[in-house]
């Protein structure tokens, strides 16, 4: 079909890749812990939208052009790393503010909830600016498309659609579980502060790793 080979193997490999913890999973967990299930779900949908762009780029050859340009690759790599570190620093700052208010016995100022658009866009940008996702699409997808296929673009689009649907479904499940656990612990400000520090540090670590 469209020159796609070993489709069941592709589905199985995609499932294993999605359930393996990585930057996208960590981001969804972080947002779910910090702001609840809805925030995690919107972040998951944003990540899925980013994967759609990667699928289109792979299908029409834009990813190959980008990977062949060291300067463009380096720019996206640095932007993605800086953005993750920026998110991590914001979480750490929020944690420090909560600790300060707790030490003084004053009520912390409630953080303004992010709009659905902002939550979605954060997930979208985090995925879109991850150069390792670009390289993954370039290296993984071609293994399941015959070299002599007359419908290469359509084959990549179909594989991309399967990957996006499975990945988004998994991230939504992660958001629901992480958000539910966080909601149960929401009354414990000290634990919430600790979780913010862990997630913020993880975001910064991911940014540093992405830049290496």
C-alpha atoms as a PDB file:
ATOM      1  CA  UNK A   1       0.000   0.000   0.000  1.00  0.00           C
ATOM      2  CA  UNK A   2       1.628   3.229  -1.240  1.00  0.00           C
ATOM      3  CA  UNK A   3       4.980   1.462  -1.022  1.00  0.00           C
ATOM      4  CA  UNK A   4       4.809   1.069   2.756  1.00  0.00           C
ATOM      5  CA  UNK A   5       6.604  -2.037   4.004  1.00  0.00           C
ATOM      6  CA  UNK A   6       6.399  -3.830   7.376  1.00  0.00           C
ATOM      7  CA  UNK A   7       3.499  -1.673   8.547  1.00  0.00           C
ATOM      8  CA  UNK A   8       2.736  -3.825  11.655  1.00  0.00           C
ATOM      9  CA  UNK A   9       6.394  -3.487  12.661  1.00  0.00           C
ATOM     10  CA  UNK A  10       6.125   0.295  12.263  1.00  0.00           C
ATOM     11  CA  UNK A  11       3.058   0.396  14.526  1.00  0.00           C
ATOM     12  CA  UNK A  12       4.767  -1.745  17.163  1.00  0.00           C
ATOM     13  CA  UNK A  13       7.967   0.297  17.061  1.00  0.00           C
ATOM     14  CA  UNK A  14       5.973   3.545  17.256  1.00  0.00           C
ATOM     15  CA  UNK A  15       4.135   2.282  20.341  1.00  0.00           C
ATOM     16  CA  UNK A  16       7.401   1.388  22.082  1.00  0.00           C
ATOM     17  CA  UNK A  17       8.950   4.735  21.160  1.00  0.00           C
ATOM     18  CA  UNK A  18       5.951   6.661  22.481  1.00  0.00           C
ATOM     19  CA  UNK A  19       5.900   4.929  25.879  1.00  0.00           C
ATOM     20  CA  UNK A  20       9.656   5.456  26.313  1.00  0.00           C
ATOM     21  CA  UNK A  21      10.109   8.590  28.490  1.00  0.00           C
ATOM     22  CA  UNK A  22      11.555  11.525  26.589  1.00  0.00           C
ATOM     23  CA  UNK A  23      11.330  15.336  26.325  1.00  0.00           C
ATOM     24  CA  UNK A  24       7.696  15.331  25.176  1.00  0.00           C
ATOM     25  CA  UNK A  25       6.573  13.050  28.007  1.00  0.00           C
ATOM     26  CA  UNK A  26       8.551  15.086  30.541  1.00  0.00           C
ATOM     27  CA  UNK A  27       6.980  18.298  29.260  1.00  0.00           C
ATOM     28  CA  UNK A  28       3.432  16.917  29.512  1.00  0.00           C
ATOM     29  CA  UNK A  29       4.085  15.577  33.004  1.00  0.00           C
ATOM     30  CA  UNK A  30       5.552  18.917  34.055  1.00  0.00           C
ATOM     31  CA  UNK A  31       2.589  20.913  32.836  1.00  0.00           C
ATOM     32  CA  UNK A  32       0.091  18.439  34.313  1.00  0.00           C
ATOM     33  CA  UNK A  33       1.801  18.517  37.710  1.00  0.00           C
ATOM     34  CA  UNK A  34       2.083  22.305  37.701  1.00  0.00           C
ATOM     35  CA  UNK A  35      -1.404  23.215  36.433  1.00  0.00           C
ATOM     36  CA  UNK A  36      -3.605  20.148  36.185  1.00  0.00           C
ATOM     37  CA  UNK A  37      -4.987  17.723  33.633  1.00  0.00           C
ATOM     38  CA  UNK A  38      -6.376  20.327  31.234  1.00  0.00           C
ATOM     39  CA  UNK A  39      -3.015  22.074  30.975  1.00  0.00           C
ATOM     40  CA  UNK A  40      -1.303  18.745  30.334  1.00  0.00           C
ATOM     41  CA  UNK A  41      -3.878  17.797  27.696  1.00  0.00           C
ATOM     42  CA  UNK A  42      -3.474  21.120  25.872  1.00  0.00           C
ATOM     43  CA  UNK A  43       0.308  20.679  25.961  1.00  0.00           C
ATOM     44  CA  UNK A  44      -0.111  17.174  24.535  1.00  0.00           C
ATOM     45  CA  UNK A  45      -2.243  18.532  21.698  1.00  0.00           C
ATOM     46  CA  UNK A  46       0.383  21.199  21.013  1.00  0.00           C
ATOM     47  CA  UNK A  47       3.077  18.522  20.832  1.00  0.00           C
ATOM     48  CA  UNK A  48       0.873  16.573  18.430  1.00  0.00           C
ATOM     49  CA  UNK A  49       0.514  19.654  16.231  1.00  0.00           C
ATOM     50  CA  UNK A  50       4.303  19.996  16.183  1.00  0.00           C
ATOM     51  CA  UNK A  51       4.593  16.381  15.042  1.00  0.00           C
ATOM     52  CA  UNK A  52       2.143  17.141  12.222  1.00  0.00           C
ATOM     53  CA  UNK A  53       4.517  19.860  10.961  1.00  0.00           C
ATOM     54  CA  UNK A  54       7.466  17.450  11.178  1.00  0.00           C
ATOM     55  CA  UNK A  55       5.479  14.852   9.231  1.00  0.00           C
ATOM     56  CA  UNK A  56       4.655  17.355   6.483  1.00  0.00           C
ATOM     57  CA  UNK A  57       8.253  18.538   6.345  1.00  0.00           C
ATOM     58  CA  UNK A  58       9.503  14.977   6.086  1.00  0.00           C
ATOM     59  CA  UNK A  59       6.968  14.118   3.403  1.00  0.00           C
ATOM     60  CA  UNK A  60       7.884  17.048   1.190  1.00  0.00           C
ATOM     61  CA  UNK A  61      11.628  17.060   1.755  1.00  0.00           C
ATOM     62  CA  UNK A  62      11.956  20.150   3.921  1.00  0.00           C
ATOM     63  CA  UNK A  63      13.513  18.204   6.784  1.00  0.00           C
ATOM     64  CA  UNK A  64      16.275  16.957   4.491  1.00  0.00           C
ATOM     65  CA  UNK A  65      17.037  20.512   3.407  1.00  0.00           C
ATOM     66  CA  UNK A  66      17.135  21.685   7.012  1.00  0.00           C
ATOM     67  CA  UNK A  67      19.350  18.820   8.160  1.00  0.00           C
ATOM     68  CA  UNK A  68      21.754  19.575   5.303  1.00  0.00           C
ATOM     69  CA  UNK A  69      22.182  23.159   6.529  1.00  0.00           C
ATOM     70  CA  UNK A  70      24.461  23.249   9.610  1.00  0.00           C
ATOM     71  CA  UNK A  71      23.629  26.867  10.397  1.00  0.00           C
ATOM     72  CA  UNK A  72      19.845  26.321  10.284  1.00  0.00           C
ATOM     73  CA  UNK A  73      20.171  23.128  12.315  1.00  0.00           C
ATOM     74  CA  UNK A  74      22.303  24.858  14.950  1.00  0.00           C
ATOM     75  CA  UNK A  75      19.875  27.786  15.172  1.00  0.00           C
ATOM     76  CA  UNK A  76      16.849  25.553  15.807  1.00  0.00           C
ATOM     77  CA  UNK A  77      18.883  23.442  18.233  1.00  0.00           C
ATOM     78  CA  UNK A  78      19.836  26.477  20.316  1.00  0.00           C
ATOM     79  CA  UNK A  79      16.329  27.972  20.228  1.00  0.00           C
ATOM     80  CA  UNK A  80      14.787  24.725  21.408  1.00  0.00           C
ATOM     81  CA  UNK A  81      17.338  24.339  24.211  1.00  0.00           C
ATOM     82  CA  UNK A  82      16.902  27.931  25.394  1.00  0.00           C
ATOM     83  CA  UNK A  83      13.118  27.631  25.374  1.00  0.00           C
ATOM     84  CA  UNK A  84      13.167  24.510  27.552  1.00  0.00           C
ATOM     85  CA  UNK A  85      15.599  26.159  29.980  1.00  0.00           C
ATOM     86  CA  UNK A  86      13.380  29.248  30.082  1.00  0.00           C
ATOM     87  CA  UNK A  87      10.380  27.124  31.083  1.00  0.00           C
ATOM     88  CA  UNK A  88      12.472  25.349  33.727  1.00  0.00           C
ATOM     89  CA  UNK A  89      13.716  28.612  35.223  1.00  0.00           C
ATOM     90  CA  UNK A  90      10.133  29.901  35.456  1.00  0.00           C
ATOM     91  CA  UNK A  91       9.115  26.807  37.418  1.00  0.00           C
ATOM     92  CA  UNK A  92      12.076  27.198  39.775  1.00  0.00           C
ATOM     93  CA  UNK A  93      11.227  30.867  40.351  1.00  0.00           C
ATOM     94  CA  UNK A  94       7.641  29.928  41.192  1.00  0.00           C
ATOM     95  CA  UNK A  95       8.952  27.313  43.623  1.00  0.00           C
ATOM     96  CA  UNK A  96      11.239  29.830  45.328  1.00  0.00           C
ATOM     97  CA  UNK A  97       8.374  32.306  45.692  1.00  0.00           C
ATOM     98  CA  UNK A  98       6.220  29.631  47.333  1.00  0.00           C
ATOM     99  CA  UNK A  99       9.055  28.736  49.714  1.00  0.00           C
ATOM    100  CA  UNK A 100       9.548  32.413  50.635  1.00  0.00           C
ATOM    101  CA  UNK A 101       5.871  32.874  51.486  1.00  0.00           C
ATOM    102  CA  UNK A 102       5.806  29.612  53.437  1.00  0.00           C
ATOM    103  CA  UNK A 103       8.850  30.660  55.503  1.00  0.00           C
ATOM    104  CA  UNK A 104       7.231  34.018  56.325  1.00  0.00           C
ATOM    105  CA  UNK A 105       3.869  32.477  57.073  1.00  0.00           C
ATOM    106  CA  UNK A 106       2.163  34.524  54.387  1.00  0.00           C
ATOM    107  CA  UNK A 107      -0.132  33.274  51.682  1.00  0.00           C
ATOM    108  CA  UNK A 108       1.577  32.905  48.305  1.00  0.00           C
ATOM    109  CA  UNK A 109       0.273  34.971  45.450  1.00  0.00           C
ATOM    110  CA  UNK A 110      -1.676  32.688  43.171  1.00  0.00           C
ATOM    111  CA  UNK A 111      -0.106  32.307  39.763  1.00  0.00           C
ATOM    112  CA  UNK A 112      -2.223  33.575  36.921  1.00  0.00           C
ATOM    113  CA  UNK A 113      -3.540  30.631  34.904  1.00  0.00           C
ATOM    114  CA  UNK A 114      -2.196  30.386  31.381  1.00  0.00           C
ATOM    115  CA  UNK A 115      -4.662  30.721  28.554  1.00  0.00           C
ATOM    116  CA  UNK A 116      -5.454  27.574  26.533  1.00  0.00           C
ATOM    117  CA  UNK A 117      -3.726  29.139  23.536  1.00  0.00           C
ATOM    118  CA  UNK A 118      -0.506  29.724  25.466  1.00  0.00           C
ATOM    119  CA  UNK A 119      -0.477  26.195  26.873  1.00  0.00           C
ATOM    120  CA  UNK A 120      -1.037  24.762  23.393  1.00  0.00           C
ATOM    121  CA  UNK A 121       1.671  26.943  21.862  1.00  0.00           C
ATOM    122  CA  UNK A 122       4.233  26.011  24.505  1.00  0.00           C
ATOM    123  CA  UNK A 123       3.810  22.326  23.647  1.00  0.00           C
ATOM    124  CA  UNK A 124       3.868  23.132  19.938  1.00  0.00           C
ATOM    125  CA  UNK A 125       7.067  25.188  20.124  1.00  0.00           C
ATOM    126  CA  UNK A 126       8.823  22.698  22.401  1.00  0.00           C
ATOM    127  CA  UNK A 127       8.246  19.902  19.884  1.00  0.00           C
ATOM    128  CA  UNK A 128       8.794  21.983  16.770  1.00  0.00           C
ATOM    129  CA  UNK A 129      12.174  23.344  17.930  1.00  0.00           C
ATOM    130  CA  UNK A 130      13.558  19.940  18.903  1.00  0.00           C
ATOM    131  CA  UNK A 131      16.104  19.059  16.173  1.00  0.00           C
ATOM    132  CA  UNK A 132      16.297  15.477  17.398  1.00  0.00           C
ATOM    133  CA  UNK A 133      12.669  15.023  16.325  1.00  0.00           C
ATOM    134  CA  UNK A 134      13.667  16.155  12.834  1.00  0.00           C
ATOM    135  CA  UNK A 135      16.494  13.622  12.715  1.00  0.00           C
ATOM    136  CA  UNK A 136      14.173  10.934  14.065  1.00  0.00           C
ATOM    137  CA  UNK A 137      11.675  11.444  11.256  1.00  0.00           C
ATOM    138  CA  UNK A 138      14.495  11.430   8.712  1.00  0.00           C
ATOM    139  CA  UNK A 139      16.084   8.233  10.006  1.00  0.00           C
ATOM    140  CA  UNK A 140      13.025   6.222  11.141  1.00  0.00           C
ATOM    141  CA  UNK A 141      10.340   6.761   8.516  1.00  0.00           C
ATOM    142  CA  UNK A 142      12.398   5.869   5.413  1.00  0.00           C
ATOM    143  CA  UNK A 143      12.935   2.365   6.824  1.00  0.00           C
ATOM    144  CA  UNK A 144       9.273   1.595   6.126  1.00  0.00           C
ATOM    145  CA  UNK A 145       8.922   3.019   2.619  1.00  0.00           C
ATOM    146  CA  UNK A 146      10.140   1.184  -0.488  1.00  0.00           C
ATOM    147  CA  UNK A 147      12.829   3.080  -2.375  1.00  0.00           C
ATOM    148  CA  UNK A 148      10.998   2.548  -5.690  1.00  0.00           C
ATOM    149  CA  UNK A 149       7.614   3.694  -4.384  1.00  0.00           C
ATOM    150  CA  UNK A 150       5.668   5.935  -6.741  1.00  0.00           C
ATOM    151  CA  UNK A 151       3.854   7.552  -3.825  1.00  0.00           C
ATOM    152  CA  UNK A 152       6.648   8.426  -1.396  1.00  0.00           C
ATOM    153  CA  UNK A 153       5.039  11.621  -0.114  1.00  0.00           C
ATOM    154  CA  UNK A 154       1.688   9.910   0.518  1.00  0.00           C
ATOM    155  CA  UNK A 155       3.448   7.030   2.280  1.00  0.00           C
ATOM    156  CA  UNK A 156       5.271   9.442   4.594  1.00  0.00           C
ATOM    157  CA  UNK A 157       2.038  11.314   5.270  1.00  0.00           C
ATOM    158  CA  UNK A 158       0.230   8.105   6.236  1.00  0.00           C
ATOM    159  CA  UNK A 159       3.068   6.979   8.512  1.00  0.00           C
ATOM    160  CA  UNK A 160       3.173  10.455  10.010  1.00  0.00           C
ATOM    161  CA  UNK A 161      -0.567  10.393  10.699  1.00  0.00           C
ATOM    162  CA  UNK A 162      -0.265   7.058  12.511  1.00  0.00           C
ATOM    163  CA  UNK A 163       2.673   8.350  14.539  1.00  0.00           C
ATOM    164  CA  UNK A 164       0.886  11.576  15.501  1.00  0.00           C
ATOM    165  CA  UNK A 165      -2.355   9.839  16.525  1.00  0.00           C
ATOM    166  CA  UNK A 166      -0.569   7.231  18.649  1.00  0.00           C
ATOM    167  CA  UNK A 167       1.779   9.791  20.216  1.00  0.00           C
ATOM    168  CA  UNK A 168      -1.014  12.232  21.030  1.00  0.00           C
ATOM    169  CA  UNK A 169      -3.173   9.497  22.546  1.00  0.00           C
ATOM    170  CA  UNK A 170      -0.299   8.416  24.789  1.00  0.00           C
ATOM    171  CA  UNK A 171       0.524  11.968  25.879  1.00  0.00           C
ATOM    172  CA  UNK A 172      -3.139  12.629  26.690  1.00  0.00           C
ATOM    173  CA  UNK A 173      -3.165   9.521  28.883  1.00  0.00           C
ATOM    174  CA  UNK A 174       0.014  10.710  30.611  1.00  0.00           C
ATOM    175  CA  UNK A 175      -1.596  14.112  31.189  1.00  0.00           C
ATOM    176  CA  UNK A 176      -4.682  12.554  32.763  1.00  0.00           C
ATOM    177  CA  UNK A 177      -2.677  10.323  35.117  1.00  0.00           C
ATOM    178  CA  UNK A 178      -0.123  12.980  36.113  1.00  0.00           C
ATOM    179  CA  UNK A 179      -2.817  15.626  36.542  1.00  0.00           C
ATOM    180  CA  UNK A 180      -4.937  13.362  38.747  1.00  0.00           C
ATOM    181  CA  UNK A 181      -1.995  12.542  41.006  1.00  0.00           C
ATOM    182  CA  UNK A 182      -1.076  16.222  41.242  1.00  0.00           C
ATOM    183  CA  UNK A 183      -4.656  17.190  42.138  1.00  0.00           C
ATOM    184  CA  UNK A 184      -4.630  14.790  45.068  1.00  0.00           C
ATOM    185  CA  UNK A 185      -1.460  16.414  46.403  1.00  0.00           C
ATOM    186  CA  UNK A 186      -2.493  20.017  45.709  1.00  0.00           C
ATOM    187  CA  UNK A 187      -3.143  20.749  49.382  1.00  0.00           C
ATOM    188  CA  UNK A 188       0.437  19.966  50.347  1.00  0.00           C
ATOM    189  CA  UNK A 189       2.257  23.187  49.419  1.00  0.00           C
ATOM    190  CA  UNK A 190       5.657  21.873  50.507  1.00  0.00           C
ATOM    191  CA  UNK A 191       5.322  18.806  48.273  1.00  0.00           C
ATOM    192  CA  UNK A 192       4.001  20.947  45.410  1.00  0.00           C
ATOM    193  CA  UNK A 193       7.007  23.243  45.790  1.00  0.00           C
ATOM    194  CA  UNK A 194       9.336  20.246  45.691  1.00  0.00           C
ATOM    195  CA  UNK A 195       7.643  18.890  42.551  1.00  0.00           C
ATOM    196  CA  UNK A 196       8.013  22.260  40.825  1.00  0.00           C
ATOM    197  CA  UNK A 197      11.738  22.200  41.593  1.00  0.00           C
ATOM    198  CA  UNK A 198      12.146  18.680  40.247  1.00  0.00           C
ATOM    199  CA  UNK A 199      10.228  19.414  37.053  1.00  0.00           C
ATOM    200  CA  UNK A 200      11.962  22.784  36.568  1.00  0.00           C
ATOM    201  CA  UNK A 201      15.376  21.183  37.015  1.00  0.00           C
ATOM    202  CA  UNK A 202      14.393  18.449  34.581  1.00  0.00           C
ATOM    203  CA  UNK A 203      13.400  21.042  31.952  1.00  0.00           C
ATOM    204  CA  UNK A 204      16.730  22.817  32.361  1.00  0.00           C
ATOM    205  CA  UNK A 205      18.553  19.488  32.120  1.00  0.00           C
ATOM    206  CA  UNK A 206      16.664  18.614  28.942  1.00  0.00           C
ATOM    207  CA  UNK A 207      17.602  21.984  27.467  1.00  0.00           C
ATOM    208  CA  UNK A 208      21.272  21.451  28.274  1.00  0.00           C
ATOM    209  CA  UNK A 209      21.158  17.927  26.820  1.00  0.00           C
ATOM    210  CA  UNK A 210      19.440  19.192  23.680  1.00  0.00           C
ATOM    211  CA  UNK A 211      22.180  21.776  23.183  1.00  0.00           C
ATOM    212  CA  UNK A 212      24.990  19.212  23.587  1.00  0.00           C
END
